[in-house]
PDB file of N, CA and C in Angstrom:
ATOM      1  N   MET A   1     229.841  14.843 -17.169  1.00  0.00           N
ATOM      2  CA  MET A   1     228.568  14.579 -17.822  1.00  0.00           C
ATOM      3  C   MET A   1     228.001  13.225 -17.382  1.00  0.00           C
ATOM      4  N   SER A   2     228.838  12.197 -17.252  1.00  0.00           N
ATOM      5  CA  SER A   2     228.339  10.884 -16.874  1.00  0.00           C
ATOM      6  C   SER A   2     227.839  10.880 -15.426  1.00  0.00           C
ATOM      7  N   ARG A   3     228.440  11.697 -14.549  1.00  0.00           N
ATOM      8  CA  ARG A   3     227.953  11.784 -13.164  1.00  0.00           C
ATOM      9  C   ARG A   3     226.561  12.413 -13.131  1.00  0.00           C
ATOM     10  N   TRP A   4     226.325  13.375 -14.000  1.00  0.00           N
ATOM     11  CA  TRP A   4     225.013  14.018 -14.058  1.00  0.00           C
ATOM     12  C   TRP A   4     223.954  13.001 -14.487  1.00  0.00           C
ATOM     13  N   ILE A   5     224.273  12.195 -15.504  1.00  0.00           N
ATOM     14  CA  ILE A   5     223.344  11.169 -15.989  1.00  0.00           C
ATOM     15  C   ILE A   5     223.112  10.125 -14.899  1.00  0.00           C
ATOM     16  N   GLU A   6     224.183   9.740 -14.236  1.00  0.00           N
ATOM     17  CA  GLU A   6     224.071   8.758 -13.167  1.00  0.00           C
ATOM     18  C   GLU A   6     223.197   9.293 -12.032  1.00  0.00           C
ATOM     19  N   SER A   7     223.387  10.540 -11.678  1.00  0.00           N
ATOM     20  CA  SER A   7     222.602  11.162 -10.621  1.00  0.00           C
ATOM     21  C   SER A   7     221.124  11.209 -11.001  1.00  0.00           C
ATOM     22  N   ARG A   8     220.831  11.572 -12.234  1.00  0.00           N
ATOM     23  CA  ARG A   8     219.440  11.629 -12.697  1.00  0.00           C
ATOM     24  C   ARG A   8     218.804  10.242 -12.698  1.00  0.00           C
ATOM     25  N   ALA A   9     219.585   9.232 -13.078  1.00  0.00           N
ATOM     26  CA  ALA A   9     219.062   7.865 -13.100  1.00  0.00           C
ATOM     27  C   ALA A   9     218.722   7.405 -11.684  1.00  0.00           C
ATOM     28  N   TYR A  10     219.607   7.667 -10.735  1.00  0.00           N
ATOM     29  CA  TYR A  10     219.339   7.275  -9.352  1.00  0.00           C
ATOM     30  C   TYR A  10     218.099   7.986  -8.806  1.00  0.00           C
ATOM     31  N   ARG A  11     217.942   9.251  -9.121  1.00  0.00           N
ATOM     32  CA  ARG A  11     216.767   9.989  -8.658  1.00  0.00           C
ATOM     33  C   ARG A  11     215.482   9.424  -9.265  1.00  0.00           C
ATOM     34  N   ALA A  12     215.552   9.076 -10.536  1.00  0.00           N
ATOM     35  CA  ALA A  12     214.365   8.516 -11.196  1.00  0.00           C
ATOM     36  C   ALA A  12     213.990   7.169 -10.580  1.00  0.00           C
ATOM     37  N   ILE A  13     214.989   6.349 -10.304  1.00  0.00           N
ATOM     38  CA  ILE A  13     214.725   5.047  -9.689  1.00  0.00           C
ATOM     39  C   ILE A  13     214.162   5.238  -8.285  1.00  0.00           C
ATOM     40  N   ALA A  14     214.746   6.147  -7.513  1.00  0.00           N
ATOM     41  CA  ALA A  14     214.273   6.404  -6.155  1.00  0.00           C
ATOM     42  C   ALA A  14     212.829   6.903  -6.174  1.00  0.00           C
ATOM     43  N   ARG A  15     212.496   7.779  -7.105  1.00  0.00           N
ATOM     44  CA  ARG A  15     211.125   8.274  -7.218  1.00  0.00           C
ATOM     45  C   ARG A  15     210.161   7.154  -7.567  1.00  0.00           C
ATOM     46  N   ARG A  16     210.610   6.260  -8.410  1.00  0.00           N
ATOM     47  CA  ARG A  16     209.755   5.147  -8.828  1.00  0.00           C
ATOM     48  C   ARG A  16     209.401   4.270  -7.633  1.00  0.00           C
ATOM     49  N   PHE A  17     210.389   3.953  -6.795  1.00  0.00           N
ATOM     50  CA  PHE A  17     210.117   3.108  -5.643  1.00  0.00           C
ATOM     51  C   PHE A  17     209.298   3.833  -4.585  1.00  0.00           C
ATOM     52  N   GLU A  18     209.447   5.130  -4.449  1.00  0.00           N
ATOM     53  CA  GLU A  18     208.637   5.891  -3.500  1.00  0.00           C
ATOM     54  C   GLU A  18     207.181   5.889  -3.937  1.00  0.00           C
ATOM     55  N   ASP A  19     206.919   5.996  -5.222  1.00  0.00           N
ATOM     56  CA  ASP A  19     205.552   6.005  -5.726  1.00  0.00           C
ATOM     57  C   ASP A  19     204.886   4.641  -5.573  1.00  0.00           C
ATOM     58  N   ASP A  20     205.655   3.557  -5.644  1.00  0.00           N
ATOM     59  CA  ASP A  20     205.084   2.220  -5.522  1.00  0.00           C
ATOM     60  C   ASP A  20     204.419   2.012  -4.173  1.00  0.00           C
ATOM     61  N   ASP A  21     205.020   2.520  -3.108  1.00  0.00           N
ATOM     62  CA  ASP A  21     204.452   2.331  -1.780  1.00  0.00           C
ATOM     63  C   ASP A  21     203.095   3.020  -1.652  1.00  0.00           C
ATOM     64  N   ALA A  22     202.938   4.162  -2.267  1.00  0.00           N
ATOM     65  CA  ALA A  22     201.683   4.887  -2.177  1.00  0.00           C
ATOM     66  C   ALA A  22     200.581   4.230  -3.007  1.00  0.00           C
ATOM     67  N   GLU A  23     200.922   3.439  -4.002  1.00  0.00           N
ATOM     68  CA  GLU A  23     199.946   2.849  -4.914  1.00  0.00           C
ATOM     69  C   GLU A  23     199.709   1.360  -4.661  1.00  0.00           C
ATOM     70  N   ARG A  24     200.127   0.848  -3.531  1.00  0.00           N
ATOM     71  CA  ARG A  24     200.007  -0.584  -3.286  1.00  0.00           C
ATOM     72  C   ARG A  24     198.564  -1.024  -3.143  1.00  0.00           C
ATOM     73  N   GLY A  25     197.740  -0.202  -2.543  1.00  0.00           N
ATOM     74  CA  GLY A  25     196.334  -0.534  -2.425  1.00  0.00           C
ATOM     75  C   GLY A  25     196.045  -1.361  -1.190  1.00  0.00           C
ATOM     76  N   ASP A  26     194.851  -1.908  -1.180  1.00  0.00           N
ATOM     77  CA  ASP A  26     194.349  -2.643  -0.032  1.00  0.00           C
ATOM     78  C   ASP A  26     194.422  -4.136  -0.338  1.00  0.00           C
ATOM     79  N   VAL A  27     195.494  -4.785   0.094  1.00  0.00           N
ATOM     80  CA  VAL A  27     195.697  -6.196  -0.226  1.00  0.00           C
ATOM     81  C   VAL A  27     194.604  -7.077   0.380  1.00  0.00           C
ATOM     82  N   PRO A  28     194.254  -6.949   1.666  1.00  0.00           N
ATOM     83  CA  PRO A  28     193.178  -7.801   2.186  1.00  0.00           C
ATOM     84  C   PRO A  28     191.854  -7.603   1.449  1.00  0.00           C
ATOM     85  N   GLY A  29     191.598  -6.398   0.983  1.00  0.00           N
ATOM     86  CA  GLY A  29     190.379  -6.160   0.217  1.00  0.00           C
ATOM     87  C   GLY A  29     190.373  -6.931  -1.085  1.00  0.00           C
ATOM     88  N   TRP A  30     191.503  -6.956  -1.785  1.00  0.00           N
ATOM     89  CA  TRP A  30     191.586  -7.701  -3.042  1.00  0.00           C
ATOM     90  C   TRP A  30     191.486  -9.194  -2.803  1.00  0.00           C
ATOM     91  N   VAL A  31     192.048  -9.665  -1.685  1.00  0.00           N
ATOM     92  CA  VAL A  31     191.926 -11.092  -1.354  1.00  0.00           C
ATOM     93  C   VAL A  31     190.456 -11.435  -1.120  1.00  0.00           C
ATOM     94  N   LEU A  32     189.742 -10.578  -0.410  1.00  0.00           N
ATOM     95  CA  LEU A  32     188.331 -10.811  -0.150  1.00  0.00           C
ATOM     96  C   LEU A  32     187.527 -10.817  -1.449  1.00  0.00           C
ATOM     97  N   VAL A  33     187.801  -9.877  -2.337  1.00  0.00           N
ATOM     98  CA  VAL A  33     187.097  -9.834  -3.623  1.00  0.00           C
ATOM     99  C   VAL A  33     187.375 -11.108  -4.419  1.00  0.00           C
ATOM    100  N   THR A  34     188.606 -11.561  -4.412  1.00  0.00           N
ATOM    101  CA  THR A  34     188.969 -12.776  -5.154  1.00  0.00           C
ATOM    102  C   THR A  34     188.258 -13.997  -4.581  1.00  0.00           C
ATOM    103  N   LEU A  35     188.253 -14.125  -3.254  1.00  0.00           N
ATOM    104  CA  LEU A  35     187.586 -15.272  -2.631  1.00  0.00           C
ATOM    105  C   LEU A  35     186.075 -15.240  -2.852  1.00  0.00           C
ATOM    106  N   MET A  36     185.484 -14.057  -2.797  1.00  0.00           N
ATOM    107  CA  MET A  36     184.046 -13.958  -3.036  1.00  0.00           C
ATOM    108  C   MET A  36     183.706 -14.301  -4.486  1.00  0.00           C
ATOM    109  N   THR A  37     184.542 -13.875  -5.408  1.00  0.00           N
ATOM    110  CA  THR A  37     184.318 -14.210  -6.814  1.00  0.00           C
ATOM    111  C   THR A  37     184.417 -15.713  -7.036  1.00  0.00           C
ATOM    112  N   ALA A  38     185.430 -16.326  -6.431  1.00  0.00           N
ATOM    113  CA  ALA A  38     185.575 -17.784  -6.555  1.00  0.00           C
ATOM    114  C   ALA A  38     184.361 -18.490  -5.955  1.00  0.00           C
ATOM    115  N   GLY A  39     183.869 -17.999  -4.825  1.00  0.00           N
ATOM    116  CA  GLY A  39     182.682 -18.595  -4.214  1.00  0.00           C
ATOM    117  C   GLY A  39     181.459 -18.482  -5.103  1.00  0.00           C
ATOM    118  N   LEU A  40     181.279 -17.322  -5.729  1.00  0.00           N
ATOM    119  CA  LEU A  40     180.142 -17.150  -6.640  1.00  0.00           C
ATOM    120  C   LEU A  40     180.243 -18.071  -7.855  1.00  0.00           C
ATOM    121  N   VAL A  41     181.441 -18.214  -8.372  1.00  0.00           N
ATOM    122  CA  VAL A  41     181.635 -19.108  -9.524  1.00  0.00           C
ATOM    123  C   VAL A  41     181.287 -20.538  -9.139  1.00  0.00           C
ATOM    124  N   LEU A  42     181.736 -20.984  -7.969  1.00  0.00           N
ATOM    125  CA  LEU A  42     181.425 -22.344  -7.527  1.00  0.00           C
ATOM    126  C   LEU A  42     179.920 -22.531  -7.303  1.00  0.00           C
ATOM    127  N   LEU A  43     179.282 -21.520  -6.732  1.00  0.00           N
ATOM    128  CA  LEU A  43     177.844 -21.599  -6.489  1.00  0.00           C
ATOM    129  C   LEU A  43     177.074 -21.686  -7.803  1.00  0.00           C
ATOM    130  N   ILE A  44     177.404 -20.825  -8.737  1.00  0.00           N
ATOM    131  CA  ILE A  44     176.722 -20.834 -10.042  1.00  0.00           C
ATOM    132  C   ILE A  44     177.020 -22.122 -10.787  1.00  0.00           C
ATOM    133  N   TRP A  45     178.267 -22.584 -10.710  1.00  0.00           N
ATOM    134  CA  TRP A  45     178.636 -23.826 -11.398  1.00  0.00           C
ATOM    135  C   TRP A  45     177.865 -25.011 -10.823  1.00  0.00           C
ATOM    136  N   GLY A  46     177.625 -24.986  -9.512  1.00  0.00           N
ATOM    137  CA  GLY A  46     176.867 -26.069  -8.887  1.00  0.00           C
ATOM    138  C   GLY A  46     175.448 -26.160  -9.427  1.00  0.00           C
ATOM    139  N   PHE A  47     174.818 -25.013  -9.661  1.00  0.00           N
ATOM    140  CA  PHE A  47     173.459 -25.014 -10.191  1.00  0.00           C
ATOM    141  C   PHE A  47     173.424 -25.238 -11.699  1.00  0.00           C
ATOM    142  N   ALA A  48     174.350 -24.631 -12.425  1.00  0.00           N
ATOM    143  CA  ALA A  48     174.289 -24.656 -13.890  1.00  0.00           C
ATOM    144  C   ALA A  48     175.152 -25.753 -14.502  1.00  0.00           C
ATOM    145  N   GLY A  49     175.964 -26.422 -13.707  1.00  0.00           N
ATOM    146  CA  GLY A  49     176.888 -27.432 -14.235  1.00  0.00           C
ATOM    147  C   GLY A  49     176.213 -28.529 -15.041  1.00  0.00           C
ATOM    148  N   PRO A  50     175.190 -29.174 -14.493  1.00  0.00           N
ATOM    149  CA  PRO A  50     174.532 -30.243 -15.256  1.00  0.00           C
ATOM    150  C   PRO A  50     173.911 -29.742 -16.572  1.00  0.00           C
ATOM    151  N   ALA A  51     173.297 -28.568 -16.534  1.00  0.00           N
ATOM    152  CA  ALA A  51     172.695 -28.032 -17.764  1.00  0.00           C
ATOM    153  C   ALA A  51     173.772 -27.707 -18.796  1.00  0.00           C
ATOM    154  N   LEU A  52     174.866 -27.097 -18.341  1.00  0.00           N
ATOM    155  CA  LEU A  52     175.957 -26.780 -19.269  1.00  0.00           C
ATOM    156  C   LEU A  52     176.579 -28.048 -19.833  1.00  0.00           C
ATOM    157  N   SER A  53     176.697 -29.064 -18.997  1.00  0.00           N
ATOM    158  CA  SER A  53     177.249 -30.344 -19.460  1.00  0.00           C
ATOM    159  C   SER A  53     176.352 -30.950 -20.529  1.00  0.00           C
ATOM    160  N   GLY A  54     175.047 -30.898 -20.310  1.00  0.00           N
ATOM    161  CA  GLY A  54     174.109 -31.433 -21.299  1.00  0.00           C
ATOM    162  C   GLY A  54     174.174 -30.673 -22.615  1.00  0.00           C
ATOM    163  N   ILE A  55     174.253 -29.356 -22.537  1.00  0.00           N
ATOM    164  CA  ILE A  55     174.355 -28.540 -23.749  1.00  0.00           C
ATOM    165  C   ILE A  55     175.632 -28.873 -24.513  1.00  0.00           C
ATOM    166  N   PHE A  56     176.743 -28.989 -23.781  1.00  0.00           N
ATOM    167  CA  PHE A  56     178.020 -29.298 -24.418  1.00  0.00           C
ATOM    168  C   PHE A  56     177.973 -30.671 -25.080  1.00  0.00           C
ATOM    169  N   ASN A  57     177.480 -31.675 -24.370  1.00  0.00           N
ATOM    170  CA  ASN A  57     177.428 -33.036 -24.934  1.00  0.00           C
ATOM    171  C   ASN A  57     176.511 -33.091 -26.147  1.00  0.00           C
ATOM    172  N   ASP A  58     175.392 -32.387 -26.097  1.00  0.00           N
ATOM    173  CA  ASP A  58     174.474 -32.340 -27.231  1.00  0.00           C
ATOM    174  C   ASP A  58     175.140 -31.693 -28.448  1.00  0.00           C
ATOM    175  N   ALA A  59     175.862 -30.590 -28.223  1.00  0.00           N
ATOM    176  CA  ALA A  59     176.543 -29.911 -29.326  1.00  0.00           C
ATOM    177  C   ALA A  59     177.628 -30.787 -29.933  1.00  0.00           C
ATOM    178  N   VAL A  60     178.388 -31.472 -29.100  1.00  0.00           N
ATOM    179  CA  VAL A  60     179.457 -32.343 -29.612  1.00  0.00           C
ATOM    180  C   VAL A  60     178.865 -33.507 -30.389  1.00  0.00           C
ATOM    181  N   SER A  61     177.782 -34.076 -29.890  1.00  0.00           N
ATOM    182  CA  SER A  61     177.183 -35.205 -30.611  1.00  0.00           C
ATOM    183  C   SER A  61     176.600 -34.771 -31.952  1.00  0.00           C
ATOM    184  N   ARG A  62     176.034 -33.565 -32.012  1.00  0.00           N
ATOM    185  CA  ARG A  62     175.507 -33.072 -33.289  1.00  0.00           C
ATOM    186  C   ARG A  62     176.628 -32.834 -34.292  1.00  0.00           C
ATOM    187  N   VAL A  63     177.733 -32.248 -33.831  1.00  0.00           N
ATOM    188  CA  VAL A  63     178.848 -31.988 -34.722  1.00  0.00           C
ATOM    189  C   VAL A  63     179.461 -33.308 -35.173  1.00  0.00           C
ATOM    190  N   SER A  64     179.628 -34.218 -34.256  1.00  0.00           N
ATOM    191  CA  SER A  64     180.205 -35.530 -34.613  1.00  0.00           C
ATOM    192  C   SER A  64     179.300 -36.288 -35.574  1.00  0.00           C
ATOM    193  N   GLY A  65     177.995 -36.193 -35.387  1.00  0.00           N
ATOM    194  CA  GLY A  65     177.058 -36.862 -36.278  1.00  0.00           C
ATOM    195  C   GLY A  65     177.091 -36.284 -37.684  1.00  0.00           C
ATOM    196  N   GLU A  66     177.249 -34.956 -37.809  1.00  0.00           N
ATOM    197  CA  GLU A  66     177.287 -34.334 -39.126  1.00  0.00           C
ATOM    198  C   GLU A  66     178.572 -34.654 -39.866  1.00  0.00           C
ATOM    199  N   ILE A  67     179.676 -34.713 -39.144  1.00  0.00           N
ATOM    200  CA  ILE A  67     180.967 -34.985 -39.793  1.00  0.00           C
ATOM    201  C   ILE A  67     181.037 -36.470 -40.171  1.00  0.00           C
ATOM    202  N   GLY A  68     180.629 -37.341 -39.271  1.00  0.00           N
ATOM    203  CA  GLY A  68     180.733 -38.783 -39.523  1.00  0.00           C
ATOM    204  C   GLY A  68     179.710 -39.293 -40.509  1.00  0.00           C
ATOM    205  N   GLY A  69     178.604 -38.614 -40.656  1.00  0.00           N
ATOM    206  CA  GLY A  69     177.495 -39.101 -41.476  1.00  0.00           C
ATOM    207  C   GLY A  69     177.631 -38.674 -42.852  1.00  0.00           C
TER     208      GLY A  69
END
């Protein structure tokens, strides 16, 4: 009985590793998507950074003024 269980376990593990190779996907494609996303974030941050900084500083000063006052 234990040999049967052992045999089934080995087959299940072997099947799992065989399926992994078929599902790996396109690694260079994902690298390209990641780099393009990072580039877009940097581009948007370059344009919106000062405005976002001003909004954040204004919000913090308002909250600090209400708590301290």
